[in-house]
Amino acid sequence: MKSIVEISEMKPPDMEREMKDVLNSIKDYNDDDIVNTLKSFLIELRKVTDDNYVKLCVTNMSIISKFSDEDLKNFIKLRMKANSEVPDFIRERDLEMIDLALKKVSDDVRNRISMFM
């Protein structure tokens, strides 16, 4: 599997394909392992530009918006838990990038994600 930094630098179609694989593979993990994986992603994302971070968030939001209600709700819960467990400077940047990404996704994606935030 490619690193989250490498994936963030890909062109959108390649990024989407890679992230679908990543997200589908971690869906089978237990909750603690998912949180730890997401935390490691957040820590690694310190190395990427804001533009690539937002692009990755937009791609991920588009992908997870197609999850079932139960899977989407659980993923967002675990993603927020991962965010709460990283150092403040990582958490604050992550929240800022999520906010920027929510402004860039379609209304359908934004509404679906917001329903479970």
C-alpha atoms as a PDB file:
ATOM      1  CA  MET A   1       0.000   0.000   0.000  1.00  0.00           C
ATOM      2  CA  LYS A   2       1.232   3.503  -0.813  1.00  0.00           C
ATOM      3  CA  SER A   3       1.763   6.017   1.970  1.00  0.00           C
ATOM      4  CA  ILE A   4      -0.892   8.628   2.645  1.00  0.00           C
ATOM      5  CA  VAL A   5       1.644  11.279   1.599  1.00  0.00           C
ATOM      6  CA  GLU A   6       2.158   9.583  -1.788  1.00  0.00           C
ATOM      7  CA  ILE A   7      -1.589   9.234  -2.251  1.00  0.00           C
ATOM      8  CA  SER A   8      -2.151  12.924  -1.440  1.00  0.00           C
ATOM      9  CA  GLU A   9       0.156  13.863  -4.316  1.00  0.00           C
ATOM     10  CA  MET A  10      -1.708  11.795  -6.935  1.00  0.00           C
ATOM     11  CA  LYS A  11      -4.027  13.062  -9.609  1.00  0.00           C
ATOM     12  CA  PRO A  12      -7.719  12.805  -8.578  1.00  0.00           C
ATOM     13  CA  PRO A  13      -8.650   9.568 -10.416  1.00  0.00           C
ATOM     14  CA  ASP A  14      -5.588   7.739  -9.072  1.00  0.00           C
ATOM     15  CA  MET A  15      -6.102   9.183  -5.593  1.00  0.00           C
ATOM     16  CA  GLU A  16      -9.712   8.045  -5.565  1.00  0.00           C
ATOM     17  CA  ARG A  17      -8.782   4.514  -6.638  1.00  0.00           C
ATOM     18  CA  GLU A  18      -6.056   4.246  -3.982  1.00  0.00           C
ATOM     19  CA  MET A  19      -8.208   5.712  -1.207  1.00  0.00           C
ATOM     20  CA  LYS A  20     -11.125   3.412  -2.055  1.00  0.00           C
ATOM     21  CA  ASP A  21      -8.748   0.486  -1.587  1.00  0.00           C
ATOM     22  CA  VAL A  22      -7.404   1.905   1.688  1.00  0.00           C
ATOM     23  CA  LEU A  23     -10.821   2.723   3.125  1.00  0.00           C
ATOM     24  CA  ASN A  24     -12.300  -0.600   2.094  1.00  0.00           C
ATOM     25  CA  SER A  25      -9.398  -2.486   3.643  1.00  0.00           C
ATOM     26  CA  ILE A  26      -9.594  -0.689   7.002  1.00  0.00           C
ATOM     27  CA  LYS A  27     -13.378  -1.113   7.237  1.00  0.00           C
ATOM     28  CA  ASP A  28     -12.700  -4.698   8.337  1.00  0.00           C
ATOM     29  CA  TYR A  29     -10.398  -3.649  11.198  1.00  0.00           C
ATOM     30  CA  ASN A  30     -11.644  -3.399  14.769  1.00  0.00           C
ATOM     31  CA  ASP A  31     -12.446   0.130  15.955  1.00  0.00           C
ATOM     32  CA  ASP A  32      -9.174   0.637  17.857  1.00  0.00           C
ATOM     33  CA  ASP A  33      -7.119  -0.382  14.829  1.00  0.00           C
ATOM     34  CA  ILE A  34      -9.118   1.953  12.593  1.00  0.00           C
ATOM     35  CA  VAL A  35      -8.540   4.859  14.997  1.00  0.00           C
ATOM     36  CA  ASN A  36      -4.818   4.074  15.189  1.00  0.00           C
ATOM     37  CA  THR A  37      -4.568   3.866  11.401  1.00  0.00           C
ATOM     38  CA  LEU A  38      -6.391   7.181  11.000  1.00  0.00           C
ATOM     39  CA  LYS A  39      -4.175   8.797  13.649  1.00  0.00           C
ATOM     40  CA  SER A  40      -1.075   7.657  11.774  1.00  0.00           C
ATOM     41  CA  PHE A  41      -2.533   9.183   8.596  1.00  0.00           C
ATOM     42  CA  LEU A  42      -3.170  12.493  10.382  1.00  0.00           C
ATOM     43  CA  ILE A  43       0.380  12.564  11.708  1.00  0.00           C
ATOM     44  CA  GLU A  44       1.815  11.792   8.264  1.00  0.00           C
ATOM     45  CA  LEU A  45      -0.339  14.483   6.658  1.00  0.00           C
ATOM     46  CA  ARG A  46       1.831  17.082   8.417  1.00  0.00           C
ATOM     47  CA  LYS A  47       4.167  16.573   5.456  1.00  0.00           C
ATOM     48  CA  VAL A  48       1.705  17.590   2.728  1.00  0.00           C
ATOM     49  CA  THR A  49       0.637  20.963   1.391  1.00  0.00           C
ATOM     50  CA  ASP A  50      -2.714  22.406   2.383  1.00  0.00           C
ATOM     51  CA  ASP A  51      -3.906  22.009  -1.220  1.00  0.00           C
ATOM     52  CA  ASN A  52      -3.087  18.297  -1.261  1.00  0.00           C
ATOM     53  CA  TYR A  53      -4.606  17.817   2.196  1.00  0.00           C
ATOM     54  CA  VAL A  54      -7.875  19.441   1.097  1.00  0.00           C
ATOM     55  CA  LYS A  55      -7.847  17.474  -2.159  1.00  0.00           C
ATOM     56  CA  LEU A  56      -7.447  14.256  -0.166  1.00  0.00           C
ATOM     57  CA  CYS A  57     -10.282  15.259   2.187  1.00  0.00           C
ATOM     58  CA  VAL A  58     -12.572  16.046  -0.750  1.00  0.00           C
ATOM     59  CA  THR A  59     -11.778  12.669  -2.305  1.00  0.00           C
ATOM     60  CA  ASN A  60     -12.363  10.827   0.969  1.00  0.00           C
ATOM     61  CA  MET A  61     -15.623  12.650   1.623  1.00  0.00           C
ATOM     62  CA  SER A  62     -16.847  11.687  -1.817  1.00  0.00           C
ATOM     63  CA  ILE A  63     -15.946   8.048  -1.185  1.00  0.00           C
ATOM     64  CA  ILE A  64     -17.386   7.740   2.319  1.00  0.00           C
ATOM     65  CA  SER A  65     -20.596   9.554   1.355  1.00  0.00           C
ATOM     66  CA  LYS A  66     -21.444   6.376  -0.567  1.00  0.00           C
ATOM     67  CA  PHE A  67     -21.094   4.161   2.522  1.00  0.00           C
ATOM     68  CA  SER A  68     -24.233   2.790   4.134  1.00  0.00           C
ATOM     69  CA  ASP A  69     -25.660   4.993   6.899  1.00  0.00           C
ATOM     70  CA  GLU A  70     -24.289   2.680   9.582  1.00  0.00           C
ATOM     71  CA  ASP A  71     -20.798   2.494   8.052  1.00  0.00           C
ATOM     72  CA  LEU A  72     -20.698   6.237   7.427  1.00  0.00           C
ATOM     73  CA  LYS A  73     -21.797   7.059  10.969  1.00  0.00           C
ATOM     74  CA  ASN A  74     -19.202   4.675  12.417  1.00  0.00           C
ATOM     75  CA  PHE A  75     -16.414   5.949  10.163  1.00  0.00           C
ATOM     76  CA  ILE A  76     -17.089   9.591  11.054  1.00  0.00           C
ATOM     77  CA  LYS A  77     -17.218   8.692  14.756  1.00  0.00           C
ATOM     78  CA  LEU A  78     -13.842   6.925  14.509  1.00  0.00           C
ATOM     79  CA  ARG A  79     -12.359   9.695  12.365  1.00  0.00           C
ATOM     80  CA  MET A  80     -13.376  12.281  14.971  1.00  0.00           C
ATOM     81  CA  LYS A  81     -11.933  10.079  17.738  1.00  0.00           C
ATOM     82  CA  ALA A  82      -8.634   9.867  15.837  1.00  0.00           C
ATOM     83  CA  ASN A  83      -8.625  13.652  15.476  1.00  0.00           C
ATOM     84  CA  SER A  84      -9.198  14.078  19.213  1.00  0.00           C
ATOM     85  CA  GLU A  85      -6.192  11.884  20.031  1.00  0.00           C
ATOM     86  CA  VAL A  86      -3.492  13.699  18.043  1.00  0.00           C
ATOM     87  CA  PRO A  87      -1.477  16.721  19.227  1.00  0.00           C
ATOM     88  CA  ASP A  88      -3.280  20.066  19.113  1.00  0.00           C
ATOM     89  CA  PHE A  89      -1.343  21.461  16.152  1.00  0.00           C
ATOM     90  CA  ILE A  90      -2.275  18.413  14.055  1.00  0.00           C
ATOM     91  CA  ARG A  91      -5.892  18.436  15.265  1.00  0.00           C
ATOM     92  CA  GLU A  92      -6.353  22.144  14.496  1.00  0.00           C
ATOM     93  CA  ARG A  93      -4.931  21.867  10.995  1.00  0.00           C
ATOM     94  CA  ASP A  94      -7.017  18.777  10.322  1.00  0.00           C
ATOM     95  CA  LEU A  95     -10.220  20.540  11.372  1.00  0.00           C
ATOM     96  CA  GLU A  96      -9.330  23.507   9.195  1.00  0.00           C
ATOM     97  CA  MET A  97      -8.687  21.252   6.179  1.00  0.00           C
ATOM     98  CA  ILE A  98     -11.973  19.390   6.777  1.00  0.00           C
ATOM     99  CA  ASP A  99     -13.816  22.705   6.884  1.00  0.00           C
ATOM    100  CA  LEU A 100     -12.220  23.826   3.613  1.00  0.00           C
ATOM    101  CA  ALA A 101     -13.009  20.477   1.992  1.00  0.00           C
ATOM    102  CA  LEU A 102     -16.656  20.621   3.092  1.00  0.00           C
ATOM    103  CA  LYS A 103     -16.943  23.913   1.223  1.00  0.00           C
ATOM    104  CA  LYS A 104     -15.625  22.271  -1.965  1.00  0.00           C
ATOM    105  CA  VAL A 105     -17.702  19.090  -2.124  1.00  0.00           C
ATOM    106  CA  SER A 106     -21.113  18.889  -3.743  1.00  0.00           C
ATOM    107  CA  ASP A 107     -24.173  19.728  -1.667  1.00  0.00           C
ATOM    108  CA  ASP A 108     -25.198  16.059  -1.682  1.00  0.00           C
ATOM    109  CA  VAL A 109     -21.863  14.941  -0.234  1.00  0.00           C
ATOM    110  CA  ARG A 110     -21.768  17.805   2.296  1.00  0.00           C
ATOM    111  CA  ASN A 111     -25.309  17.108   3.496  1.00  0.00           C
ATOM    112  CA  ARG A 112     -24.728  13.381   3.789  1.00  0.00           C
ATOM    113  CA  ILE A 113     -21.498  13.808   5.783  1.00  0.00           C
ATOM    114  CA  SER A 114     -22.907  16.610   7.940  1.00  0.00           C
ATOM    115  CA  MET A 115     -25.832  14.400   8.913  1.00  0.00           C
ATOM    116  CA  PHE A 116     -23.429  12.265  10.997  1.00  0.00           C
ATOM    117  CA  MET A 117     -20.975  14.888  12.284  1.00  0.00           C
END
